[in-house]
Amino acid sequence: MNKSLPIGQNNIQVIDLVRSLAIFSVLARHLADVLPPPRPSEKLIWDWITSNGGGGVMMFLVVSGFLITRIIDSGQGGLFKPSWKNFYVRRVARIIPLYLLQVFGGILFLYSLIYFFGERSPFFIYCFKLPKDGTGASFWISLFTFSFNWVEAFQYDAWQQVGVYWVLLWSLAVEEQFYIFYPFYLKFLGNTKRLVLALVTVIFVCLFWKFKFPGDWPSTTLVAVQGNIHSYGEIAIGALLYLACKQFGNRLLPEKKLCLFFSGLGAGFIIFFYCS
């Protein structure tokens, strides 16, 4: 880390490490059903990793909230007077080309698999299956409006399952819904104290609704709705961590023992979360 730069402009290596661990956990969880079973000597650690895919998603969203707040803060106008034009142009340029490539690439894989293996192929059903005939309009509209996470929550049973290739897009929808309003909220709040209060409120409200969400809905809908709401709180945690890093990071850099303590505390928290 370059000590001559503000904390918000440094490359923080642990972010890349945590993000890599999160991606690995999520991929392992989703591929566990189609990969060959591990050898007996590897089964314990493999089961441990695959059973914590949800923890990987949580870490990924926390990192996402940290990084997007950092990007806005280092841009023109700073955190509370962001350039909306620069922010949204950057988001569109970063997300849309790769997103369209994924969607149309998925369609290409879909029809290629149908052609070579047929619609009954277990691999096709698991990875690329589209909604049941007659329910596809809501599916495609949700993909191109970044509302997939909410539409899926209420349409999953009607769709009669969709492939995991498409299901993974829910987390991107959560992020984009949070970020489309984020710069407006920052400008409205105007200072760090109000932002901290707002983020803490979001975290506790989302945590409450995660476990206390009312509604006599099917279990798939209830779990999805709870997960969606909780995810916004996880992004808010990441934003709050960035503010703490910005406030105290440069002060802690000379204190190596204290830095090691907090690093160990964070590593311990991740290990505990994965082992629980």
C-alpha atoms as a PDB file:
ATOM      1  CA  MET A   1       0.000   0.000   0.000  1.00  0.00           C
ATOM      2  CA  ASN A   2       1.304   3.437  -0.952  1.00  0.00           C
ATOM      3  CA  LYS A   3       1.330   5.569   2.210  1.00  0.00           C
ATOM      4  CA  SER A   4       1.562   8.799   0.214  1.00  0.00           C
ATOM      5  CA  LEU A   5      -1.927   8.270  -1.224  1.00  0.00           C
ATOM      6  CA  PRO A   6      -5.227   8.662   0.596  1.00  0.00           C
ATOM      7  CA  ILE A   7      -6.725   5.371   1.686  1.00  0.00           C
ATOM      8  CA  GLY A   8      -9.449   5.631  -0.939  1.00  0.00           C
ATOM      9  CA  GLN A   9      -6.911   5.669  -3.780  1.00  0.00           C
ATOM     10  CA  ASN A  10      -4.739   2.752  -2.698  1.00  0.00           C
ATOM     11  CA  ASN A  11      -4.993  -0.751  -4.061  1.00  0.00           C
ATOM     12  CA  ILE A  12      -6.095  -2.863  -1.095  1.00  0.00           C
ATOM     13  CA  GLN A  13      -4.858  -6.396  -1.731  1.00  0.00           C
ATOM     14  CA  VAL A  14      -7.136  -8.020   0.825  1.00  0.00           C
ATOM     15  CA  ILE A  15     -10.133  -6.904  -1.252  1.00  0.00           C
ATOM     16  CA  ASP A  16      -8.912  -9.038  -4.159  1.00  0.00           C
ATOM     17  CA  LEU A  17      -8.299 -11.955  -1.796  1.00  0.00           C
ATOM     18  CA  VAL A  18     -11.777 -11.781  -0.261  1.00  0.00           C
ATOM     19  CA  ARG A  19     -13.425 -11.368  -3.650  1.00  0.00           C
ATOM     20  CA  SER A  20     -11.536 -14.386  -5.031  1.00  0.00           C
ATOM     21  CA  LEU A  21     -12.634 -16.483  -2.048  1.00  0.00           C
ATOM     22  CA  ALA A  22     -16.224 -15.336  -2.520  1.00  0.00           C
ATOM     23  CA  ILE A  23     -16.254 -16.194  -6.233  1.00  0.00           C
ATOM     24  CA  PHE A  24     -14.700 -19.604  -5.574  1.00  0.00           C
ATOM     25  CA  SER A  25     -17.301 -20.395  -2.894  1.00  0.00           C
ATOM     26  CA  VAL A  26     -20.228 -19.427  -5.115  1.00  0.00           C
ATOM     27  CA  LEU A  27     -18.913 -21.377  -8.118  1.00  0.00           C
ATOM     28  CA  ALA A  28     -18.236 -24.419  -5.968  1.00  0.00           C
ATOM     29  CA  ARG A  29     -21.754 -24.318  -4.550  1.00  0.00           C
ATOM     30  CA  HIS A  30     -23.451 -24.133  -7.928  1.00  0.00           C
ATOM     31  CA  LEU A  31     -21.203 -26.684  -9.611  1.00  0.00           C
ATOM     32  CA  ALA A  32     -21.388 -29.221  -6.788  1.00  0.00           C
ATOM     33  CA  ASP A  33     -24.465 -30.881  -8.324  1.00  0.00           C
ATOM     34  CA  VAL A  34     -22.860 -31.515 -11.716  1.00  0.00           C
ATOM     35  CA  LEU A  35     -19.205 -32.179 -10.877  1.00  0.00           C
ATOM     36  CA  PRO A  36     -17.956 -35.687 -10.070  1.00  0.00           C
ATOM     37  CA  PRO A  37     -17.968 -36.440  -6.321  1.00  0.00           C
ATOM     38  CA  PRO A  38     -14.671 -35.724  -4.563  1.00  0.00           C
ATOM     39  CA  ARG A  39     -12.369 -38.405  -3.236  1.00  0.00           C
ATOM     40  CA  PRO A  40     -13.025 -39.457   0.382  1.00  0.00           C
ATOM     41  CA  SER A  41      -9.909 -37.612   1.560  1.00  0.00           C
ATOM     42  CA  GLU A  42     -11.203 -34.362   0.030  1.00  0.00           C
ATOM     43  CA  LYS A  43     -14.900 -34.734   0.841  1.00  0.00           C
ATOM     44  CA  LEU A  44     -14.853 -32.935   4.191  1.00  0.00           C
ATOM     45  CA  ILE A  45     -13.253 -29.719   2.915  1.00  0.00           C
ATOM     46  CA  TRP A  46     -15.260 -29.821  -0.334  1.00  0.00           C
ATOM     47  CA  ASP A  47     -18.548 -30.147   1.575  1.00  0.00           C
ATOM     48  CA  TRP A  48     -17.444 -27.296   3.842  1.00  0.00           C
ATOM     49  CA  ILE A  49     -16.780 -25.014   0.862  1.00  0.00           C
ATOM     50  CA  THR A  50     -19.905 -25.897  -1.112  1.00  0.00           C
ATOM     51  CA  SER A  51     -22.201 -25.522   1.894  1.00  0.00           C
ATOM     52  CA  ASN A  52     -21.148 -21.893   2.295  1.00  0.00           C
ATOM     53  CA  GLY A  53     -22.005 -20.479  -1.109  1.00  0.00           C
ATOM     54  CA  GLY A  54     -24.354 -18.038   0.615  1.00  0.00           C
ATOM     55  CA  GLY A  55     -21.416 -16.695   2.597  1.00  0.00           C
ATOM     56  CA  GLY A  56     -19.578 -16.113  -0.664  1.00  0.00           C
ATOM     57  CA  VAL A  57     -22.484 -14.051  -2.005  1.00  0.00           C
ATOM     58  CA  MET A  58     -22.533 -12.032   1.219  1.00  0.00           C
ATOM     59  CA  MET A  59     -18.812 -11.271   0.986  1.00  0.00           C
ATOM     60  CA  PHE A  60     -19.125 -10.351  -2.680  1.00  0.00           C
ATOM     61  CA  LEU A  61     -21.908  -7.842  -1.948  1.00  0.00           C
ATOM     62  CA  VAL A  62     -20.004  -6.336   0.976  1.00  0.00           C
ATOM     63  CA  VAL A  63     -16.937  -5.883  -1.236  1.00  0.00           C
ATOM     64  CA  SER A  64     -19.163  -4.394  -3.948  1.00  0.00           C
ATOM     65  CA  GLY A  65     -20.555  -1.771  -1.540  1.00  0.00           C
ATOM     66  CA  PHE A  66     -17.038  -0.929  -0.371  1.00  0.00           C
ATOM     67  CA  LEU A  67     -15.676  -0.511  -3.895  1.00  0.00           C
ATOM     68  CA  ILE A  68     -18.561   1.501  -5.356  1.00  0.00           C
ATOM     69  CA  THR A  69     -18.393   3.970  -2.451  1.00  0.00           C
ATOM     70  CA  ARG A  70     -14.639   4.215  -2.932  1.00  0.00           C
ATOM     71  CA  ILE A  71     -15.046   4.844  -6.670  1.00  0.00           C
ATOM     72  CA  ILE A  72     -17.581   7.623  -6.125  1.00  0.00           C
ATOM     73  CA  ASP A  73     -15.447   9.228  -3.414  1.00  0.00           C
ATOM     74  CA  SER A  74     -12.357   9.285  -5.626  1.00  0.00           C
ATOM     75  CA  GLY A  75     -14.253  10.771  -8.564  1.00  0.00           C
ATOM     76  CA  GLN A  76     -15.071  14.323  -9.546  1.00  0.00           C
ATOM     77  CA  GLY A  77     -16.966  16.116  -6.787  1.00  0.00           C
ATOM     78  CA  GLY A  78     -16.124  13.566  -4.104  1.00  0.00           C
ATOM     79  CA  LEU A  79     -18.580  11.467  -2.150  1.00  0.00           C
ATOM     80  CA  PHE A  80     -21.342  14.011  -1.587  1.00  0.00           C
ATOM     81  CA  LYS A  81     -21.198  15.950  -4.843  1.00  0.00           C
ATOM     82  CA  PRO A  82     -20.670  13.159  -7.356  1.00  0.00           C
ATOM     83  CA  SER A  83     -20.797  13.746 -11.070  1.00  0.00           C
ATOM     84  CA  TRP A  84     -23.910  11.796 -12.028  1.00  0.00           C
ATOM     85  CA  LYS A  85     -22.940  11.810 -15.687  1.00  0.00           C
ATOM     86  CA  ASN A  86     -19.496  10.325 -15.024  1.00  0.00           C
ATOM     87  CA  PHE A  87     -20.889   7.762 -12.600  1.00  0.00           C
ATOM     88  CA  TYR A  88     -23.652   6.439 -14.838  1.00  0.00           C
ATOM     89  CA  VAL A  89     -21.556   6.517 -18.004  1.00  0.00           C
ATOM     90  CA  ARG A  90     -18.900   4.519 -16.206  1.00  0.00           C
ATOM     91  CA  ARG A  91     -21.441   2.006 -14.878  1.00  0.00           C
ATOM     92  CA  VAL A  92     -23.040   1.547 -18.298  1.00  0.00           C
ATOM     93  CA  ALA A  93     -19.665   1.115 -20.007  1.00  0.00           C
ATOM     94  CA  ARG A  94     -18.540  -1.380 -17.379  1.00  0.00           C
ATOM     95  CA  ILE A  95     -21.721  -3.452 -17.061  1.00  0.00           C
ATOM     96  CA  ILE A  96     -23.776  -3.394 -20.257  1.00  0.00           C
ATOM     97  CA  PRO A  97     -21.320  -4.826 -22.860  1.00  0.00           C
ATOM     98  CA  LEU A  98     -20.367  -7.798 -20.661  1.00  0.00           C
ATOM     99  CA  TYR A  99     -23.959  -8.274 -19.551  1.00  0.00           C
ATOM    100  CA  LEU A 100     -25.252  -8.403 -23.122  1.00  0.00           C
ATOM    101  CA  LEU A 101     -22.432 -10.807 -23.991  1.00  0.00           C
ATOM    102  CA  GLN A 102     -23.520 -13.074 -21.154  1.00  0.00           C
ATOM    103  CA  VAL A 103     -27.204 -12.990 -22.084  1.00  0.00           C
ATOM    104  CA  PHE A 104     -26.715 -13.584 -25.803  1.00  0.00           C
ATOM    105  CA  GLY A 105     -23.903 -16.035 -25.123  1.00  0.00           C
ATOM    106  CA  GLY A 106     -26.310 -17.953 -22.906  1.00  0.00           C
ATOM    107  CA  ILE A 107     -28.878 -18.048 -25.702  1.00  0.00           C
ATOM    108  CA  LEU A 108     -26.198 -19.365 -28.090  1.00  0.00           C
ATOM    109  CA  PHE A 109     -25.165 -22.093 -25.643  1.00  0.00           C
ATOM    110  CA  LEU A 110     -28.817 -22.902 -25.026  1.00  0.00           C
ATOM    111  CA  TYR A 111     -29.690 -23.634 -28.633  1.00  0.00           C
ATOM    112  CA  SER A 112     -26.359 -25.332 -29.277  1.00  0.00           C
ATOM    113  CA  LEU A 113     -27.033 -27.767 -26.427  1.00  0.00           C
ATOM    114  CA  ILE A 114     -30.581 -28.366 -27.654  1.00  0.00           C
ATOM    115  CA  TYR A 115     -29.260 -29.115 -31.136  1.00  0.00           C
ATOM    116  CA  PHE A 116     -26.544 -31.537 -30.030  1.00  0.00           C
ATOM    117  CA  PHE A 117     -28.010 -33.132 -26.889  1.00  0.00           C
ATOM    118  CA  GLY A 118     -31.749 -32.362 -26.836  1.00  0.00           C
ATOM    119  CA  GLU A 119     -33.854 -30.572 -24.264  1.00  0.00           C
ATOM    120  CA  ARG A 120     -33.795 -33.539 -21.892  1.00  0.00           C
ATOM    121  CA  SER A 121     -30.068 -33.321 -21.300  1.00  0.00           C
ATOM    122  CA  PRO A 122     -29.463 -33.009 -17.514  1.00  0.00           C
ATOM    123  CA  PHE A 123     -26.702 -30.505 -18.214  1.00  0.00           C
ATOM    124  CA  PHE A 124     -29.056 -28.379 -20.321  1.00  0.00           C
ATOM    125  CA  ILE A 125     -31.790 -28.436 -17.679  1.00  0.00           C
ATOM    126  CA  TYR A 126     -29.432 -27.552 -14.850  1.00  0.00           C
ATOM    127  CA  CYS A 127     -27.512 -24.772 -16.610  1.00  0.00           C
ATOM    128  CA  PHE A 128     -29.640 -23.151 -19.284  1.00  0.00           C
ATOM    129  CA  LYS A 129     -33.290 -24.143 -18.937  1.00  0.00           C
ATOM    130  CA  LEU A 130     -35.695 -21.318 -19.790  1.00  0.00           C
ATOM    131  CA  PRO A 131     -39.088 -20.741 -18.136  1.00  0.00           C
ATOM    132  CA  LYS A 132     -42.098 -22.835 -19.032  1.00  0.00           C
ATOM    133  CA  ASP A 133     -43.777 -21.862 -22.301  1.00  0.00           C
ATOM    134  CA  GLY A 134     -46.145 -18.957 -21.812  1.00  0.00           C
ATOM    135  CA  THR A 135     -44.232 -17.431 -18.900  1.00  0.00           C
ATOM    136  CA  GLY A 136     -41.116 -16.292 -20.734  1.00  0.00           C
ATOM    137  CA  ALA A 137     -42.117 -12.649 -21.277  1.00  0.00           C
ATOM    138  CA  SER A 138     -41.642 -11.764 -17.619  1.00  0.00           C
ATOM    139  CA  PHE A 139     -38.288 -13.543 -17.656  1.00  0.00           C
ATOM    140  CA  TRP A 140     -36.842 -11.590 -20.584  1.00  0.00           C
ATOM    141  CA  ILE A 141     -38.277  -8.266 -19.389  1.00  0.00           C
ATOM    142  CA  SER A 142     -36.707  -8.830 -15.959  1.00  0.00           C
ATOM    143  CA  LEU A 143     -33.299  -9.560 -17.503  1.00  0.00           C
ATOM    144  CA  PHE A 144     -33.219  -6.354 -19.506  1.00  0.00           C
ATOM    145  CA  THR A 145     -34.595  -4.136 -16.727  1.00  0.00           C
ATOM    146  CA  PHE A 146     -32.323  -5.497 -13.945  1.00  0.00           C
ATOM    147  CA  SER A 147     -35.389  -6.600 -11.989  1.00  0.00           C
ATOM    148  CA  PHE A 148     -34.671 -10.322 -12.261  1.00  0.00           C
ATOM    149  CA  ASN A 149     -34.284 -10.838  -8.501  1.00  0.00           C
ATOM    150  CA  TRP A 150     -37.818  -9.599  -7.723  1.00  0.00           C
ATOM    151  CA  VAL A 151     -39.568 -11.120 -10.713  1.00  0.00           C
ATOM    152  CA  GLU A 152     -37.898 -14.462 -10.036  1.00  0.00           C
ATOM    153  CA  ALA A 153     -39.075 -14.340  -6.407  1.00  0.00           C
ATOM    154  CA  PHE A 154     -42.724 -14.268  -7.476  1.00  0.00           C
ATOM    155  CA  GLN A 155     -42.529 -16.166 -10.765  1.00  0.00           C
ATOM    156  CA  TYR A 156     -40.101 -19.005  -9.971  1.00  0.00           C
ATOM    157  CA  ASP A 157     -42.840 -21.582  -9.404  1.00  0.00           C
ATOM    158  CA  ALA A 158     -44.711 -20.441 -12.532  1.00  0.00           C
ATOM    159  CA  TRP A 159     -41.482 -20.658 -14.521  1.00  0.00           C
ATOM    160  CA  GLN A 160     -41.025 -24.230 -13.265  1.00  0.00           C
ATOM    161  CA  GLN A 161     -37.325 -23.724 -12.620  1.00  0.00           C
ATOM    162  CA  VAL A 162     -34.753 -21.897 -14.729  1.00  0.00           C
ATOM    163  CA  GLY A 163     -31.128 -22.798 -15.303  1.00  0.00           C
ATOM    164  CA  VAL A 164     -28.469 -21.744 -12.838  1.00  0.00           C
ATOM    165  CA  TYR A 165     -26.769 -19.720 -15.600  1.00  0.00           C
ATOM    166  CA  TRP A 166     -29.723 -17.310 -15.435  1.00  0.00           C
ATOM    167  CA  VAL A 167     -30.344 -17.542 -11.691  1.00  0.00           C
ATOM    168  CA  LEU A 168     -26.874 -16.118 -10.983  1.00  0.00           C
ATOM    169  CA  LEU A 169     -27.966 -12.818 -12.526  1.00  0.00           C
ATOM    170  CA  TRP A 170     -30.057 -11.967  -9.450  1.00  0.00           C
ATOM    171  CA  SER A 171     -27.041 -10.555  -7.597  1.00  0.00           C
ATOM    172  CA  LEU A 172     -26.233  -8.165 -10.441  1.00  0.00           C
ATOM    173  CA  ALA A 173     -29.845  -6.955 -10.358  1.00  0.00           C
ATOM    174  CA  VAL A 174     -29.539  -6.281  -6.607  1.00  0.00           C
ATOM    175  CA  GLU A 175     -26.363  -4.252  -7.126  1.00  0.00           C
ATOM    176  CA  GLU A 176     -27.751  -2.167  -9.962  1.00  0.00           C
ATOM    177  CA  GLN A 177     -30.952  -1.387  -8.050  1.00  0.00           C
ATOM    178  CA  PHE A 178     -28.880  -0.131  -5.125  1.00  0.00           C
ATOM    179  CA  TYR A 179     -26.497   1.898  -7.264  1.00  0.00           C
ATOM    180  CA  ILE A 180     -29.037   3.552  -9.532  1.00  0.00           C
ATOM    181  CA  PHE A 181     -30.219   5.676  -6.578  1.00  0.00           C
ATOM    182  CA  TYR A 182     -27.008   5.736  -4.544  1.00  0.00           C
ATOM    183  CA  PRO A 183     -25.500   8.976  -5.975  1.00  0.00           C
ATOM    184  CA  PHE A 184     -28.809  10.800  -5.417  1.00  0.00           C
ATOM    185  CA  TYR A 185     -28.912   9.688  -1.777  1.00  0.00           C
ATOM    186  CA  LEU A 186     -25.306  10.764  -1.273  1.00  0.00           C
ATOM    187  CA  LYS A 187     -25.986  14.231  -2.600  1.00  0.00           C
ATOM    188  CA  PHE A 188     -29.175  14.470  -0.534  1.00  0.00           C
ATOM    189  CA  LEU A 189     -27.470  13.380   2.706  1.00  0.00           C
ATOM    190  CA  GLY A 190     -24.588  15.776   2.188  1.00  0.00           C
ATOM    191  CA  ASN A 191     -22.176  14.689   4.937  1.00  0.00           C
ATOM    192  CA  THR A 192     -20.569  11.651   6.530  1.00  0.00           C
ATOM    193  CA  LYS A 193     -22.565  11.725   9.761  1.00  0.00           C
ATOM    194  CA  ARG A 194     -25.899  11.531   7.947  1.00  0.00           C
ATOM    195  CA  LEU A 195     -24.569   8.856   5.599  1.00  0.00           C
ATOM    196  CA  VAL A 196     -23.384   6.676   8.484  1.00  0.00           C
ATOM    197  CA  LEU A 197     -26.778   7.014  10.167  1.00  0.00           C
ATOM    198  CA  ALA A 198     -28.571   6.148   6.926  1.00  0.00           C
ATOM    199  CA  LEU A 199     -26.368   3.098   6.283  1.00  0.00           C
ATOM    200  CA  VAL A 200     -26.786   1.801   9.831  1.00  0.00           C
ATOM    201  CA  THR A 201     -30.551   2.229   9.490  1.00  0.00           C
ATOM    202  CA  VAL A 202     -30.582   0.300   6.207  1.00  0.00           C
ATOM    203  CA  ILE A 203     -28.515  -2.506   7.748  1.00  0.00           C
ATOM    204  CA  PHE A 204     -30.807  -2.946  10.759  1.00  0.00           C
ATOM    205  CA  VAL A 205     -34.022  -2.609   8.754  1.00  0.00           C
ATOM    206  CA  CYS A 206     -32.820  -5.204   6.235  1.00  0.00           C
ATOM    207  CA  LEU A 207     -31.694  -7.527   9.016  1.00  0.00           C
ATOM    208  CA  PHE A 208     -35.098  -7.218  10.713  1.00  0.00           C
ATOM    209  CA  TRP A 209     -37.038  -7.945   7.535  1.00  0.00           C
ATOM    210  CA  LYS A 210     -34.705 -10.810   6.696  1.00  0.00           C
ATOM    211  CA  PHE A 211     -35.982 -12.769   9.698  1.00  0.00           C
ATOM    212  CA  LYS A 212     -39.375 -11.158  10.318  1.00  0.00           C
ATOM    213  CA  PHE A 213     -40.738 -10.645   6.824  1.00  0.00           C
ATOM    214  CA  PRO A 214     -44.527 -11.127   6.853  1.00  0.00           C
ATOM    215  CA  GLY A 215     -46.540 -12.807   4.163  1.00  0.00           C
ATOM    216  CA  ASP A 216     -48.250 -16.135   3.595  1.00  0.00           C
ATOM    217  CA  TRP A 217     -46.234 -16.966   0.486  1.00  0.00           C
ATOM    218  CA  PRO A 218     -44.752 -20.158  -0.947  1.00  0.00           C
ATOM    219  CA  SER A 219     -41.386 -20.994   0.611  1.00  0.00           C
ATOM    220  CA  THR A 220     -39.467 -20.239  -2.599  1.00  0.00           C
ATOM    221  CA  THR A 221     -40.969 -16.748  -2.761  1.00  0.00           C
ATOM    222  CA  LEU A 222     -40.442 -16.031   0.929  1.00  0.00           C
ATOM    223  CA  VAL A 223     -36.790 -17.117   0.888  1.00  0.00           C
ATOM    224  CA  ALA A 224     -36.087 -15.088  -2.273  1.00  0.00           C
ATOM    225  CA  VAL A 225     -37.750 -11.942  -0.910  1.00  0.00           C
ATOM    226  CA  GLN A 226     -35.857 -12.226   2.361  1.00  0.00           C
ATOM    227  CA  GLY A 227     -32.600 -12.742   0.469  1.00  0.00           C
ATOM    228  CA  ASN A 228     -33.224  -9.714  -1.749  1.00  0.00           C
ATOM    229  CA  ILE A 229     -33.903  -7.430   1.193  1.00  0.00           C
ATOM    230  CA  HIS A 230     -30.944  -8.690   3.191  1.00  0.00           C
ATOM    231  CA  SER A 231     -28.638  -8.158   0.204  1.00  0.00           C
ATOM    232  CA  TYR A 232     -29.204  -4.390   0.251  1.00  0.00           C
ATOM    233  CA  GLY A 233     -28.041  -4.407   3.861  1.00  0.00           C
ATOM    234  CA  GLU A 234     -24.871  -6.284   2.892  1.00  0.00           C
ATOM    235  CA  ILE A 235     -24.017  -3.633   0.294  1.00  0.00           C
ATOM    236  CA  ALA A 236     -24.620  -0.984   2.972  1.00  0.00           C
ATOM    237  CA  ILE A 237     -22.175  -2.811   5.278  1.00  0.00           C
ATOM    238  CA  GLY A 238     -19.528  -2.532   2.573  1.00  0.00           C
ATOM    239  CA  ALA A 239     -20.152   1.205   2.194  1.00  0.00           C
ATOM    240  CA  LEU A 240     -19.894   1.629   5.974  1.00  0.00           C
ATOM    241  CA  LEU A 241     -16.605  -0.291   6.028  1.00  0.00           C
ATOM    242  CA  TYR A 242     -15.223   2.056   3.394  1.00  0.00           C
ATOM    243  CA  LEU A 243     -16.087   5.087   5.520  1.00  0.00           C
ATOM    244  CA  ALA A 244     -14.341   3.471   8.502  1.00  0.00           C
ATOM    245  CA  CYS A 245     -11.323   2.657   6.335  1.00  0.00           C
ATOM    246  CA  LYS A 246     -11.170   6.209   5.045  1.00  0.00           C
ATOM    247  CA  GLN A 247     -11.522   7.701   8.528  1.00  0.00           C
ATOM    248  CA  PHE A 248      -9.044   5.496  10.358  1.00  0.00           C
ATOM    249  CA  GLY A 249      -6.979   3.755   7.688  1.00  0.00           C
ATOM    250  CA  ASN A 250      -4.116   6.217   7.356  1.00  0.00           C
ATOM    251  CA  ARG A 251      -3.915   6.557  11.139  1.00  0.00           C
ATOM    252  CA  LEU A 252      -3.613   2.807  11.547  1.00  0.00           C
ATOM    253  CA  LEU A 253      -0.915   2.295   8.914  1.00  0.00           C
ATOM    254  CA  PRO A 254       2.004   3.085  11.266  1.00  0.00           C
ATOM    255  CA  GLU A 255       0.486   0.832  13.962  1.00  0.00           C
ATOM    256  CA  LYS A 256       1.534  -2.544  12.588  1.00  0.00           C
ATOM    257  CA  LYS A 257       0.476  -4.577  15.617  1.00  0.00           C
ATOM    258  CA  LEU A 258      -2.966  -3.004  15.632  1.00  0.00           C
ATOM    259  CA  CYS A 259      -3.311  -3.605  11.902  1.00  0.00           C
ATOM    260  CA  LEU A 260      -2.378  -7.254  12.398  1.00  0.00           C
ATOM    261  CA  PHE A 261      -4.958  -7.487  15.184  1.00  0.00           C
ATOM    262  CA  PHE A 262      -7.762  -6.142  13.018  1.00  0.00           C
ATOM    263  CA  SER A 263      -6.650  -8.309  10.080  1.00  0.00           C
ATOM    264  CA  GLY A 264      -6.705 -11.366  12.318  1.00  0.00           C
ATOM    265  CA  LEU A 265     -10.100 -10.345  13.692  1.00  0.00           C
ATOM    266  CA  GLY A 266     -11.505 -10.055  10.170  1.00  0.00           C
ATOM    267  CA  ALA A 267      -9.985 -13.377   9.115  1.00  0.00           C
ATOM    268  CA  GLY A 268     -11.368 -14.981  12.268  1.00  0.00           C
ATOM    269  CA  PHE A 269     -14.829 -13.643  11.509  1.00  0.00           C
ATOM    270  CA  ILE A 270     -14.743 -15.115   7.990  1.00  0.00           C
ATOM    271  CA  ILE A 271     -13.513 -18.486   9.276  1.00  0.00           C
ATOM    272  CA  PHE A 272     -16.165 -18.531  12.008  1.00  0.00           C
ATOM    273  CA  PHE A 273     -18.865 -17.634   9.500  1.00  0.00           C
ATOM    274  CA  TYR A 274     -17.769 -20.427   7.183  1.00  0.00           C
ATOM    275  CA  CYS A 275     -17.530 -22.979   9.972  1.00  0.00           C
ATOM    276  CA  SER A 276     -20.878 -22.154  11.591  1.00  0.00           C
END
